[in-house]
Amino acid sequence: MPHPLAPLEEPETNKHDLPKAFDPKKSIVVANLLLSSYAEKPQSEFSYLEWDTPSGDLYADPERLPSSVTCYTDPFTWPMAQKNAIVALASLSTAMGAYSAGAYTSGLDKMMEEWHVSRLVLLGGITTFTAGFALPPLVLGPFSEVYVYLVTFGLFNVCLLASALCHSSTGMLVIRFFLGVGGSTFGAMIGGIISDIFHAQDRGFPMALFAMFGLAFTGVGPLVSGVIETRGSVLLSRKAKALNRFLDENGDRGNRWKVKADEERETIALMVRVSLTRPFRFLVTESVVFWFSCWLTFAWGILYMFLEAIPLVFIESHGFTIAQVGYVFAAMPVGCILALCCNTLVEISTEKYFADSTPTPESRLYSACTLGCLLPIGLFWFGWTSFPSQHWILPTMAVGCVIMGIYSIYLAVFNYFADTYHQYASSALAAQSFCRNFFAGGFPLVADFMYHRMGFSGASSLLGCVGALLTIVPWVLMFYGTKIRARSKFARVSETTPPSLRRNRG
């Protein structure tokens, strides 16, 4: 007789009503085994990647490193032909901003006739342009990505087209503001590009060339500046990411690489806040930045005032047409070329007769001390040769003389700030750029009033006196620059920073 089936036994449970298979003691043992085996595996550690890190430290077989890693090299070591090409393209790009500022005045009479507005209202187009040129670098300074410059390039070109199709004075003033916004970032980045690829002792002529293009040239597209990345920390960060990706793909369990500059980057909000506030902090606390900004703002104001003063003088005193006035403006590029040649001679003479064993930022000021005097000289010359009885070539030559003075001041500021503040140079340059463009844009608005109320000679003489007072600035720095820099926290920090880390963090 078959035995009845025994009832299925219930699995034994512990006091927590868990099946025996899930005994906590056994689970703890299994977990400990897993953790111990994981801990025995070698964990990747990070090392800081520098440009001088030997290839053998990057990978056991450096020959197998892909081109995505080896394509990134220190900008300071790039071939000279590549550096020269970058300087030429970047300088041509920033010249477009200068052209768009000056070309506007040639159409003022036509716009007055068509839109029935006063000349003063239309001169506001220069002021709105310079306001747009002054503000964006304070916000966009922290962003070095190419797409930012491509966006501003697009805005610049759209506004150029819109200004040609505009049919109202109000619309023109608004378009001019955004035209300045679109063109501002390209001019603001050129000094940083040159500092990124040239050491201080090799930076003189490239910076001089850039200054000449910024004052004298009339028109090429700014796109070429936007598609070039020269900042060493950005390139090094890209190299580290490409190298880590290569090591992961090849199963390498050794060290991974990172860049110290990436750890120092703040959040976007903090970067924008610093970019907006630090330039004004420099203006308030750094006497060098304040006085140089005053000097360059005045010089830039004269440059913009000449856009109105030259037509005024040559039309009223010499009966020139608009086309003939345009020929007078040729004195500007001629003056820039002459200033470039004179600056080169001054630098050669300085290096030969006044060279120190340890170059200082003050060695950049010999040209400003000598050629800077041409600004007030040219203003007096322009004012006292503007009468109908004087030949028109005399005030034309005075224009060239003034431009030579402005050029030397412009160049001195860029060189001195780069050599003095190093990684904070971007903030110092942003401070002077804001002052130079924001306040100088008001000069054309008072040109007509000054020259008619005070007379051509009186107005120019007043400006010449102000210019003469400001020429004291470089001489003070020549004698007391070392002591002044010693009191600056930013300059002291710069001088104690290793050269490999001086990357214009701003």
Protein backbone atom coordinates (compact mmCIF):
# COMPACT_ATOMS: atom_id res chain seq x y z
CA MET A 1 0.00 0.00 0.00
CA PRO A 2 1.58 3.19 -1.05
CA HIS A 3 2.61 5.59 1.61
CA PRO A 4 0.87 8.95 1.54
CA LEU A 5 2.96 11.85 0.33
CA ALA A 6 4.61 13.70 3.16
CA PRO A 7 3.77 17.33 3.31
CA LEU A 8 6.37 19.68 1.89
CA GLU A 9 8.64 21.01 4.59
CA GLU A 10 8.60 24.72 5.09
CA PRO A 11 12.04 26.25 4.69
CA GLU A 12 13.64 26.99 7.99
CA THR A 13 13.53 30.66 8.82
CA ASN A 14 15.55 32.82 11.14
CA LYS A 15 14.19 35.21 13.67
CA HIS A 16 13.73 37.89 10.99
CA ASP A 17 11.48 35.55 8.92
CA LEU A 18 14.03 35.40 6.14
CA PRO A 19 14.68 32.14 4.33
CA LYS A 20 17.85 30.34 5.39
CA ALA A 21 19.35 31.00 1.96
CA PHE A 22 19.46 34.71 2.91
CA ASP A 23 21.14 34.27 6.23
CA PRO A 24 22.61 37.69 7.18
CA LYS A 25 25.84 36.07 8.36
CA LYS A 26 26.40 34.49 4.94
CA SER A 27 25.46 37.75 3.19
CA ILE A 28 28.05 39.66 5.21
CA VAL A 29 30.70 37.12 4.25
CA VAL A 30 29.84 37.43 0.56
CA ALA A 31 29.87 41.22 0.74
CA ASN A 32 33.26 41.24 2.45
CA LEU A 33 34.67 38.93 -0.24
CA LEU A 34 33.39 41.24 -2.99
CA LEU A 35 34.79 44.36 -1.31
CA SER A 36 38.18 42.77 -0.71
CA SER A 37 38.45 41.63 -4.32
CA TYR A 38 37.48 45.12 -5.54
CA ALA A 39 40.02 46.73 -3.23
CA GLU A 40 42.77 44.47 -4.60
CA LYS A 41 42.25 45.88 -8.12
CA PRO A 42 44.59 48.77 -8.95
CA GLN A 43 42.71 52.07 -8.96
CA SER A 44 43.57 54.84 -11.43
CA GLU A 45 45.20 57.91 -9.92
CA PHE A 46 45.34 61.33 -11.53
CA SER A 47 48.52 63.19 -12.34
CA TYR A 48 48.78 66.77 -13.53
CA LEU A 49 49.53 67.11 -17.22
CA GLU A 50 51.98 69.83 -18.26
CA TRP A 51 53.38 70.74 -21.65
CA ASP A 52 56.81 69.49 -20.58
CA THR A 53 55.54 66.11 -19.33
CA PRO A 54 57.74 63.44 -21.07
CA SER A 55 55.92 61.28 -23.61
CA GLY A 56 57.20 58.17 -21.84
CA ASP A 57 55.16 59.14 -18.77
CA LEU A 58 51.98 59.42 -20.81
CA TYR A 59 52.05 55.86 -22.17
CA ALA A 60 54.44 52.94 -22.07
CA ASP A 61 54.88 53.05 -25.84
CA PRO A 62 54.79 56.74 -26.88
CA GLU A 63 54.90 55.77 -30.56
CA ARG A 64 51.38 54.36 -30.22
CA LEU A 65 49.85 57.62 -29.00
CA PRO A 66 47.16 58.66 -31.51
CA SER A 67 47.16 61.93 -33.40
CA SER A 68 44.18 63.06 -31.28
CA VAL A 69 46.70 63.34 -28.41
CA THR A 70 49.89 64.40 -30.18
CA CYS A 71 48.17 67.15 -32.18
CA TYR A 72 48.06 69.35 -29.07
CA THR A 73 51.33 71.21 -28.54
CA ASP A 74 52.43 74.21 -26.48
CA PRO A 75 51.50 77.39 -28.42
CA PHE A 76 54.85 78.91 -27.44
CA THR A 77 56.60 76.16 -29.46
CA TRP A 78 54.55 76.49 -32.62
CA PRO A 79 56.51 77.20 -35.83
CA MET A 80 57.16 80.87 -36.47
CA ALA A 81 55.31 80.70 -39.79
CA GLN A 82 52.19 79.48 -37.99
CA LYS A 83 52.47 82.23 -35.36
CA ASN A 84 52.93 84.92 -38.02
CA ALA A 85 49.89 83.67 -39.93
CA ILE A 86 47.77 83.81 -36.77
CA VAL A 87 48.92 87.35 -35.97
CA ALA A 88 48.21 88.53 -39.52
CA LEU A 89 44.73 86.97 -39.66
CA ALA A 90 43.81 88.13 -36.17
CA SER A 91 45.00 91.67 -36.85
CA LEU A 92 43.04 91.83 -40.08
CA SER A 93 39.97 90.67 -38.21
CA THR A 94 40.05 93.33 -35.52
CA ALA A 95 40.54 95.98 -38.19
CA MET A 96 36.96 95.39 -39.30
CA GLY A 97 35.70 96.98 -36.10
CA ALA A 98 37.75 100.11 -36.73
CA TYR A 99 36.41 100.30 -40.27
CA SER A 100 32.78 99.99 -39.23
CA ALA A 101 33.28 102.80 -36.70
CA GLY A 102 34.84 105.25 -39.17
CA ALA A 103 32.94 104.48 -42.37
CA TYR A 104 29.68 105.55 -40.75
CA THR A 105 30.46 109.26 -40.76
CA SER A 106 30.83 109.46 -44.54
CA GLY A 107 27.08 108.88 -44.93
CA LEU A 108 25.87 111.38 -42.37
CA ASP A 109 24.92 114.10 -44.85
CA LYS A 110 22.91 111.68 -46.95
CA MET A 111 21.08 110.34 -43.89
CA MET A 112 20.34 113.89 -42.68
CA GLU A 113 18.79 114.72 -46.03
CA GLU A 114 16.74 111.52 -46.27
CA TRP A 115 15.52 111.24 -42.67
CA HIS A 116 15.28 114.97 -41.82
CA VAL A 117 17.19 114.74 -38.55
CA SER A 118 20.05 116.76 -37.14
CA ARG A 119 23.68 115.82 -37.44
CA LEU A 120 23.96 115.55 -33.66
CA VAL A 121 21.30 112.83 -33.58
CA LEU A 122 23.12 110.80 -36.21
CA LEU A 123 26.47 111.27 -34.46
CA GLY A 124 24.83 109.27 -31.68
CA GLY A 125 25.45 106.27 -33.94
CA ILE A 126 29.15 106.52 -33.07
CA THR A 127 28.31 106.71 -29.38
CA THR A 128 25.96 103.71 -29.44
CA PHE A 129 28.53 101.75 -31.45
CA THR A 130 31.27 102.41 -28.91
CA ALA A 131 28.90 101.57 -26.03
CA GLY A 132 28.18 98.24 -27.69
CA PHE A 133 31.88 97.77 -28.23
CA ALA A 134 32.67 98.43 -24.55
CA LEU A 135 30.23 96.21 -22.67
CA PRO A 136 30.32 92.63 -24.10
CA PRO A 137 33.99 91.82 -23.32
CA LEU A 138 33.19 92.24 -19.62
CA VAL A 139 30.62 89.43 -19.86
CA LEU A 140 32.13 87.23 -22.59
CA GLY A 141 35.69 87.41 -21.26
CA PRO A 142 35.52 84.08 -19.38
CA PHE A 143 34.27 82.20 -22.43
CA SER A 144 37.11 81.20 -24.74
CA GLU A 145 35.10 78.72 -26.80
CA VAL A 146 35.01 79.18 -30.54
CA TYR A 147 31.20 79.17 -30.80
CA VAL A 148 30.99 82.41 -28.81
CA TYR A 149 33.04 84.21 -31.45
CA LEU A 150 31.12 82.57 -34.28
CA VAL A 151 27.86 83.86 -32.79
CA THR A 152 29.24 87.39 -32.49
CA PHE A 153 30.62 87.10 -36.02
CA GLY A 154 27.12 86.29 -37.25
CA LEU A 155 25.65 89.19 -35.30
CA PHE A 156 28.27 91.55 -36.74
CA ASN A 157 27.49 90.58 -40.33
CA VAL A 158 23.72 90.67 -39.82
CA CYS A 159 24.01 94.19 -38.40
CA LEU A 160 26.21 95.29 -41.30
CA LEU A 161 23.49 94.19 -43.70
CA ALA A 162 20.78 95.75 -41.53
CA SER A 163 22.58 99.10 -41.45
CA ALA A 164 22.57 99.15 -45.25
CA LEU A 165 18.82 98.42 -45.37
CA CYS A 166 17.78 100.66 -42.46
CA HIS A 167 15.24 103.43 -43.18
CA SER A 168 15.09 105.37 -39.88
CA SER A 169 17.47 107.17 -37.58
CA THR A 170 16.17 105.33 -34.50
CA GLY A 171 16.70 101.98 -36.16
CA MET A 172 20.20 103.02 -37.19
CA LEU A 173 21.17 103.91 -33.61
CA VAL A 174 19.95 100.53 -32.36
CA ILE A 175 21.69 98.65 -35.16
CA ARG A 176 24.93 100.50 -34.47
CA PHE A 177 24.81 99.35 -30.85
CA PHE A 178 24.50 95.68 -31.81
CA LEU A 179 27.10 96.16 -34.54
CA GLY A 180 29.48 97.22 -31.77
CA VAL A 181 28.45 94.19 -29.71
CA GLY A 182 29.18 91.89 -32.64
CA GLY A 183 32.57 93.38 -33.38
CA SER A 184 33.80 93.84 -29.83
CA THR A 185 34.98 90.34 -28.92
CA PHE A 186 37.35 90.07 -31.85
CA GLY A 187 39.26 93.21 -30.99
CA ALA A 188 39.29 92.29 -27.31
CA MET A 189 40.85 88.86 -27.83
CA ILE A 190 43.82 89.78 -30.03
CA GLY A 191 46.08 90.90 -27.18
CA GLY A 192 45.44 87.59 -25.43
CA ILE A 193 46.21 85.64 -28.60
CA ILE A 194 49.58 87.34 -28.98
CA SER A 195 50.40 86.77 -25.30
CA ASP A 196 49.49 83.10 -25.65
CA ILE A 197 51.90 82.34 -28.48
CA PHE A 198 54.80 84.75 -27.91
CA HIS A 199 57.06 85.08 -24.88
CA ALA A 200 57.52 88.61 -23.51
CA GLN A 201 60.87 89.14 -25.21
CA ASP A 202 59.38 88.22 -28.62
CA ARG A 203 56.06 90.04 -28.22
CA GLY A 204 57.10 93.57 -29.22
CA PHE A 205 56.75 93.52 -33.01
CA PRO A 206 53.59 91.31 -33.16
CA MET A 207 51.87 93.65 -30.69
CA ALA A 208 53.06 96.67 -32.69
CA LEU A 209 51.66 95.13 -35.88
CA PHE A 210 48.32 94.48 -34.20
CA ALA A 211 48.15 98.07 -32.95
CA MET A 212 48.83 99.38 -36.45
CA PHE A 213 46.10 97.21 -37.99
CA GLY A 214 43.63 98.21 -35.28
CA LEU A 215 44.10 101.90 -36.06
CA ALA A 216 44.79 101.94 -39.77
CA PHE A 217 43.12 99.11 -41.64
CA THR A 218 39.75 99.33 -43.29
CA GLY A 219 38.07 96.13 -43.62
CA VAL A 220 38.33 92.39 -43.62
CA GLY A 221 35.99 89.84 -42.03
CA PRO A 222 36.47 88.97 -38.36
CA LEU A 223 35.68 85.26 -38.76
CA VAL A 224 39.34 84.20 -38.83
CA SER A 225 39.83 85.24 -35.20
CA GLY A 226 36.96 83.10 -34.03
CA VAL A 227 38.18 79.79 -35.40
CA ILE A 228 41.67 79.92 -33.87
CA GLU A 229 42.26 78.59 -30.35
CA THR A 230 45.59 79.63 -28.86
CA ARG A 231 45.03 79.54 -25.08
CA GLY A 232 47.49 77.03 -23.67
CA SER A 233 45.35 75.84 -20.74
CA VAL A 234 42.42 75.06 -23.06
CA LEU A 235 44.61 73.09 -25.46
CA LEU A 236 46.27 71.22 -22.60
CA SER A 237 42.86 70.30 -21.15
CA ARG A 238 41.79 68.92 -24.52
CA LYS A 239 44.99 66.90 -24.72
CA ALA A 240 44.36 65.40 -21.26
CA LYS A 241 40.82 64.35 -22.22
CA ALA A 242 42.03 62.78 -25.47
CA LEU A 243 44.83 60.96 -23.62
CA ASN A 244 42.48 59.58 -20.94
CA ARG A 245 40.08 58.39 -23.62
CA PHE A 246 42.92 56.58 -25.39
CA LEU A 247 44.06 54.91 -22.14
CA ASP A 248 40.50 53.75 -21.38
CA GLU A 249 40.08 52.28 -24.85
CA ASN A 250 43.33 50.33 -24.48
CA GLY A 251 42.49 48.96 -21.04
CA ASP A 252 45.34 50.77 -19.35
CA ARG A 253 44.88 50.79 -15.55
CA GLY A 254 47.65 53.27 -14.83
CA ASN A 255 47.40 56.94 -14.00
CA ARG A 256 44.96 59.28 -15.64
CA TRP A 257 45.72 62.91 -16.45
CA LYS A 258 44.13 66.21 -15.56
CA VAL A 259 45.02 69.89 -15.87
CA LYS A 260 45.43 72.14 -12.85
CA ALA A 261 43.68 75.02 -14.62
CA ASP A 262 40.50 72.90 -14.86
CA GLU A 263 40.37 72.60 -11.07
CA GLU A 264 40.77 76.35 -10.71
CA ARG A 265 37.84 77.15 -13.01
CA GLU A 266 34.82 78.43 -11.15
CA THR A 267 31.17 78.13 -12.05
CA ILE A 268 29.91 80.13 -15.00
CA ALA A 269 27.98 82.47 -12.70
CA LEU A 270 31.09 83.16 -10.61
CA MET A 271 33.26 83.64 -13.71
CA VAL A 272 30.81 86.19 -15.11
CA ARG A 273 30.64 87.99 -11.75
CA VAL A 274 34.42 88.17 -11.52
CA SER A 275 34.65 89.27 -15.15
CA LEU A 276 32.18 92.07 -14.48
CA THR A 277 33.66 93.29 -11.19
CA ARG A 278 37.43 92.74 -11.35
CA PRO A 279 38.09 95.26 -14.18
CA PHE A 280 36.39 97.99 -12.12
CA ARG A 281 38.34 96.86 -9.06
CA PHE A 282 41.50 97.36 -11.11
CA LEU A 283 40.35 100.86 -12.07
CA VAL A 284 39.80 101.81 -8.43
CA THR A 285 42.75 100.08 -6.74
CA GLU A 286 45.47 99.98 -9.42
CA SER A 287 46.87 103.46 -10.10
CA VAL A 288 48.69 102.18 -13.19
CA VAL A 289 45.44 100.94 -14.74
CA PHE A 290 43.57 104.13 -13.80
CA TRP A 291 46.05 106.62 -15.28
CA PHE A 292 46.81 104.56 -18.36
CA SER A 293 43.05 104.18 -18.94
CA CYS A 294 42.61 107.96 -18.64
CA TRP A 295 45.42 108.56 -21.11
CA LEU A 296 44.19 106.03 -23.65
CA THR A 297 40.55 107.11 -23.24
CA PHE A 298 41.55 110.67 -24.10
CA ALA A 299 43.62 109.47 -27.08
CA TRP A 300 40.77 107.29 -28.32
CA GLY A 301 38.35 110.14 -27.85
CA ILE A 302 40.53 112.31 -30.11
CA LEU A 303 40.49 109.52 -32.69
CA TYR A 304 36.67 109.45 -32.70
CA MET A 305 36.44 113.25 -32.54
CA PHE A 306 38.52 113.46 -35.71
CA LEU A 307 35.79 111.52 -37.50
CA GLU A 308 33.70 114.68 -37.09
CA ALA A 309 36.39 117.36 -36.79
CA ILE A 310 38.20 116.52 -40.05
CA PRO A 311 35.09 116.94 -42.27
CA LEU A 312 34.18 120.05 -40.29
CA VAL A 313 37.54 121.77 -40.80
CA PHE A 314 38.20 120.77 -44.41
CA ILE A 315 34.67 121.45 -45.66
CA GLU A 316 34.29 124.83 -43.95
CA SER A 317 37.87 126.10 -44.29
CA HIS A 318 38.94 124.57 -47.59
CA GLY A 319 35.66 123.82 -49.39
CA PHE A 320 36.39 120.09 -49.72
CA THR A 321 33.76 117.65 -50.94
CA ILE A 322 32.98 114.44 -49.04
CA ALA A 323 35.19 112.49 -51.45
CA GLN A 324 38.08 114.90 -50.95
CA VAL A 325 37.69 114.69 -47.17
CA GLY A 326 38.06 110.93 -47.56
CA TYR A 327 41.52 111.48 -49.00
CA VAL A 328 42.50 113.39 -45.87
CA PHE A 329 41.71 110.31 -43.79
CA ALA A 330 44.50 108.53 -45.66
CA ALA A 331 46.81 110.35 -43.26
CA MET A 332 45.69 107.90 -40.57
CA PRO A 333 47.12 104.68 -42.08
CA VAL A 334 50.20 106.60 -43.23
CA GLY A 335 50.70 107.84 -39.68
CA CYS A 336 50.32 104.29 -38.35
CA ILE A 337 52.93 102.93 -40.75
CA LEU A 338 55.36 105.70 -39.83
CA ALA A 339 54.69 105.04 -36.14
CA LEU A 340 55.38 101.33 -36.61
CA CYS A 341 58.74 102.14 -38.22
CA CYS A 342 59.62 104.66 -35.50
CA ASN A 343 58.60 102.24 -32.75
CA THR A 344 60.83 99.56 -34.27
CA LEU A 345 63.78 101.96 -34.32
CA VAL A 346 63.13 102.94 -30.68
CA GLU A 347 63.00 99.28 -29.61
CA ILE A 348 66.24 98.46 -31.46
CA SER A 349 67.98 101.47 -29.90
CA THR A 350 66.62 100.60 -26.46
CA GLU A 351 67.83 97.02 -26.72
CA LYS A 352 71.26 98.23 -27.85
CA TYR A 353 71.89 101.11 -25.44
CA PHE A 354 69.52 100.69 -22.48
CA ALA A 355 69.05 96.93 -22.19
CA ASP A 356 69.02 95.55 -18.62
CA SER A 357 70.14 92.11 -17.60
CA THR A 358 66.59 91.57 -16.31
CA PRO A 359 64.02 93.30 -18.56
CA THR A 360 61.25 95.17 -16.74
CA PRO A 361 57.82 96.34 -17.92
CA GLU A 362 59.17 99.90 -17.89
CA SER A 363 61.42 99.03 -20.83
CA ARG A 364 58.21 99.00 -22.91
CA LEU A 365 57.64 102.70 -22.28
CA TYR A 366 60.55 104.30 -24.17
CA SER A 367 58.39 104.60 -27.29
CA ALA A 368 55.46 106.06 -25.35
CA CYS A 369 57.72 108.62 -23.65
CA THR A 370 59.04 109.85 -27.00
CA LEU A 371 56.35 109.25 -29.62
CA GLY A 372 53.51 109.91 -27.18
CA CYS A 373 54.41 113.60 -27.24
CA LEU A 374 53.27 113.67 -30.88
CA LEU A 375 49.63 113.60 -29.77
CA PRO A 376 49.55 117.08 -28.16
CA ILE A 377 52.02 118.41 -30.75
CA GLY A 378 49.73 117.24 -33.54
CA LEU A 379 46.67 118.76 -31.87
CA PHE A 380 48.31 122.20 -31.61
CA TRP A 381 49.53 121.81 -35.19
CA PHE A 382 46.05 120.86 -36.44
CA GLY A 383 44.36 123.77 -34.66
CA TRP A 384 46.72 126.50 -35.79
CA THR A 385 46.88 125.42 -39.45
CA SER A 386 43.12 125.02 -39.95
CA PHE A 387 42.59 128.50 -41.37
CA PRO A 388 41.66 128.99 -45.06
CA SER A 389 44.90 130.89 -45.56
CA GLN A 390 46.94 127.79 -44.71
CA HIS A 391 47.58 125.06 -47.27
CA TRP A 392 45.39 122.01 -46.71
CA ILE A 393 48.43 119.71 -46.54
CA LEU A 394 49.48 121.21 -43.19
CA PRO A 395 46.43 120.10 -41.13
CA THR A 396 46.52 116.80 -43.06
CA MET A 397 50.08 116.21 -41.87
CA ALA A 398 48.96 117.17 -38.36
CA VAL A 399 46.39 114.37 -38.49
CA GLY A 400 49.18 111.89 -39.24
CA CYS A 401 51.20 113.31 -36.33
CA VAL A 402 48.26 112.84 -33.93
CA ILE A 403 47.77 109.24 -35.09
CA MET A 404 51.44 108.48 -34.46
CA GLY A 405 50.98 109.64 -30.87
CA ILE A 406 47.78 107.63 -30.40
CA TYR A 407 49.50 104.54 -31.81
CA SER A 408 52.39 104.76 -29.33
CA ILE A 409 49.97 105.13 -26.40
CA TYR A 410 47.77 102.24 -27.55
CA LEU A 411 50.77 99.96 -27.98
CA ALA A 412 52.34 100.94 -24.64
CA VAL A 413 49.17 100.11 -22.70
CA PHE A 414 48.87 96.61 -24.18
CA ASN A 415 52.55 95.79 -23.69
CA TYR A 416 52.84 97.26 -20.19
CA PHE A 417 49.70 95.56 -18.87
CA ALA A 418 50.70 92.20 -20.35
CA ASP A 419 54.18 92.38 -18.79
CA THR A 420 52.99 93.74 -15.44
CA TYR A 421 49.88 91.70 -14.65
CA HIS A 422 50.51 88.48 -16.62
CA GLN A 423 47.58 86.16 -15.71
CA TYR A 424 45.50 89.18 -14.65
CA ALA A 425 46.28 91.13 -17.82
CA SER A 426 42.86 90.33 -19.29
CA SER A 427 41.14 92.15 -16.42
CA ALA A 428 43.47 95.15 -16.72
CA LEU A 429 42.92 95.30 -20.49
CA ALA A 430 39.16 94.91 -20.03
CA ALA A 431 39.19 97.91 -17.69
CA GLN A 432 40.95 100.18 -20.17
CA SER A 433 38.89 98.79 -23.07
CA PHE A 434 35.66 99.68 -21.28
CA CYS A 435 36.85 103.21 -20.49
CA ARG A 436 38.36 103.70 -23.93
CA ASN A 437 35.23 102.75 -25.85
CA PHE A 438 32.47 103.81 -23.46
CA PHE A 439 33.66 107.33 -22.69
CA ALA A 440 35.50 108.11 -25.93
CA GLY A 441 32.27 107.66 -27.86
CA GLY A 442 30.99 110.93 -26.41
CA PHE A 443 33.75 113.03 -27.96
CA PRO A 444 32.15 113.30 -31.44
CA LEU A 445 28.97 114.65 -29.84
CA VAL A 446 30.81 117.73 -28.52
CA ALA A 447 33.11 118.24 -31.52
CA ASP A 448 30.72 120.49 -33.44
CA PHE A 449 29.95 122.56 -30.34
CA MET A 450 33.61 122.96 -29.35
CA TYR A 451 34.94 123.85 -32.78
CA HIS A 452 32.20 126.37 -33.49
CA ARG A 453 32.09 128.01 -30.05
CA MET A 454 35.84 128.05 -29.35
CA GLY A 455 37.08 128.17 -32.93
CA PHE A 456 39.26 125.61 -34.65
CA SER A 457 42.45 126.84 -33.03
CA GLY A 458 40.94 127.29 -29.55
CA ALA A 459 39.31 123.85 -29.38
CA SER A 460 42.39 122.04 -30.61
CA SER A 461 44.63 124.01 -28.24
CA LEU A 462 42.48 123.03 -25.26
CA LEU A 463 42.72 119.39 -26.25
CA GLY A 464 46.45 119.78 -26.81
CA CYS A 465 46.92 121.08 -23.27
CA VAL A 466 45.08 118.09 -21.81
CA GLY A 467 47.16 115.76 -23.94
CA ALA A 468 50.37 117.44 -22.82
CA LEU A 469 49.45 116.92 -19.15
CA LEU A 470 48.72 113.22 -19.73
CA THR A 471 52.08 112.62 -21.41
CA ILE A 472 53.54 112.76 -17.89
CA VAL A 473 52.06 109.29 -17.17
CA PRO A 474 54.77 107.13 -18.84
CA TRP A 475 57.56 109.32 -17.46
CA VAL A 476 56.30 108.79 -13.90
CA LEU A 477 56.27 105.04 -14.49
CA MET A 478 59.76 105.13 -15.98
CA PHE A 479 61.15 106.54 -12.73
CA TYR A 480 58.79 105.10 -10.13
CA GLY A 481 57.23 102.09 -11.87
CA THR A 482 59.09 99.50 -9.78
CA LYS A 483 57.91 101.06 -6.51
CA ILE A 484 54.35 101.42 -7.78
CA ARG A 485 54.23 97.79 -8.90
CA ALA A 486 55.64 96.66 -5.54
CA ARG A 487 52.53 98.08 -3.83
CA SER A 488 50.20 96.18 -6.18
CA LYS A 489 48.88 92.83 -4.98
CA PHE A 490 48.13 91.70 -8.50
CA ALA A 491 51.51 92.74 -9.90
CA ARG A 492 53.37 91.09 -6.98
CA VAL A 493 51.45 87.86 -7.49
CA SER A 494 52.25 87.95 -11.19
CA GLU A 495 55.97 88.35 -10.57
CA THR A 496 56.03 85.32 -8.25
CA THR A 497 53.98 83.10 -10.56
CA PRO A 498 55.98 80.49 -12.51
CA PRO A 499 56.20 81.32 -16.23
CA SER A 500 54.43 78.05 -17.12
CA LEU A 501 51.30 79.26 -15.29
CA ARG A 502 51.20 82.80 -16.71
CA ARG A 503 48.29 82.25 -19.08
CA ASN A 504 46.29 85.48 -18.84
CA ARG A 505 43.57 84.07 -16.66
CA GLY A 506 42.22 87.58 -16.20
